Amino acid sequence: MSKLPALLARDIIRVLEKAGFVIVRQRGSHVRLVHRDDRTRYATVAMHGSDVPRKDVASILRQSKISKEEFLKLLQK
């Protein structure tokens, strides 16, 4: 199993949008995304200036119900 990289928030949002998520709202620096077909799949991404730490990337993947392998595959496209 590959380690998750620390990424910029805009890169995480780009990958989530490829996976079928859409931005539903933003409050301050936090962006909320929900899956188009399954409203129980959501993610909240903090849009700060630096990289999002690995543990936070893992938390976003748990929220969105995306596997690490699928995320890394979408990241490379």
Protein backbone atom coordinates (compact mmCIF):
# COMPACT_ATOMS: atom_id res chain seq x y z
CA MET A 1 0.00 0.00 0.00
CA SER A 2 1.36 3.41 -1.00
CA LYS A 3 1.80 6.27 1.38
CA LEU A 4 -0.46 9.23 0.86
CA PRO A 5 1.36 12.40 -0.19
CA ALA A 6 0.90 15.78 1.42
CA LEU A 7 -0.96 17.81 -1.21
CA LEU A 8 -2.30 21.27 -1.79
CA ALA A 9 -6.01 21.61 -1.10
CA ARG A 10 -6.77 22.58 -4.72
CA ASP A 11 -5.19 19.30 -5.91
CA ILE A 12 -7.37 17.30 -3.49
CA ILE A 13 -10.48 19.13 -4.67
CA ARG A 14 -9.51 18.48 -8.32
CA VAL A 15 -9.21 14.73 -7.63
CA LEU A 16 -12.52 14.66 -5.74
CA GLU A 17 -14.23 16.40 -8.66
CA LYS A 18 -12.84 13.73 -11.00
CA ALA A 19 -14.38 11.14 -8.66
CA GLY A 20 -17.84 12.70 -9.03
CA PHE A 21 -17.94 15.21 -6.19
CA VAL A 22 -19.25 18.77 -6.55
CA ILE A 23 -18.70 21.81 -4.36
CA VAL A 24 -21.90 22.60 -2.48
CA ARG A 25 -20.69 25.38 -0.22
CA GLN A 26 -17.73 27.21 1.23
CA ARG A 27 -17.57 28.82 4.62
CA GLY A 28 -14.39 30.74 5.25
CA SER A 29 -11.49 28.55 4.22
CA HIS A 30 -13.39 25.24 4.34
CA VAL A 31 -14.91 23.80 1.17
CA ARG A 32 -17.68 21.17 1.40
CA LEU A 33 -18.03 18.65 -1.43
CA VAL A 34 -20.80 16.07 -1.90
CA HIS A 35 -20.95 13.18 -4.36
CA ARG A 36 -23.39 13.69 -7.24
CA ASP A 37 -25.10 10.30 -6.91
CA ASP A 38 -24.64 9.34 -3.24
CA ARG A 39 -25.31 12.24 -0.87
CA THR A 40 -23.89 10.27 2.09
CA ARG A 41 -20.41 10.63 0.55
CA TYR A 42 -19.00 14.02 1.45
CA ALA A 43 -15.70 15.70 2.22
CA THR A 44 -14.61 18.92 3.86
CA VAL A 45 -11.30 20.34 2.65
CA ALA A 46 -9.50 23.19 4.42
CA MET A 47 -8.12 25.70 1.87
CA HIS A 48 -5.04 26.99 3.68
CA GLY A 49 -1.84 28.18 1.99
CA SER A 50 0.35 25.20 2.78
CA ASP A 51 0.13 21.48 2.06
CA VAL A 52 -2.63 19.46 3.69
CA PRO A 53 -0.96 16.98 6.08
CA ARG A 54 -1.11 13.24 5.29
CA LYS A 55 -3.36 12.48 8.25
CA ASP A 56 -5.86 15.06 7.01
CA VAL A 57 -5.73 13.61 3.48
CA ALA A 58 -6.50 10.19 5.01
CA SER A 59 -9.43 11.71 6.91
CA ILE A 60 -10.80 13.26 3.70
CA LEU A 61 -10.61 9.85 2.00
CA ARG A 62 -12.51 8.22 4.88
CA GLN A 63 -15.22 10.88 4.69
CA SER A 64 -15.55 10.53 0.92
CA LYS A 65 -15.37 6.71 0.99
CA ILE A 66 -12.58 6.62 -1.62
CA SER A 67 -9.79 4.06 -1.35
CA LYS A 68 -6.15 5.16 -1.30
CA GLU A 69 -5.50 3.27 -4.53
CA GLU A 70 -8.40 4.95 -6.35
CA PHE A 71 -7.32 8.37 -5.07
CA LEU A 72 -3.73 7.88 -6.21
CA LYS A 73 -4.90 6.66 -9.63
CA LEU A 74 -7.09 9.75 -10.09
CA LEU A 75 -4.23 11.95 -8.89
CA GLN A 76 -1.97 10.70 -11.69
CA LYS A 77 -4.53 11.41 -14.46
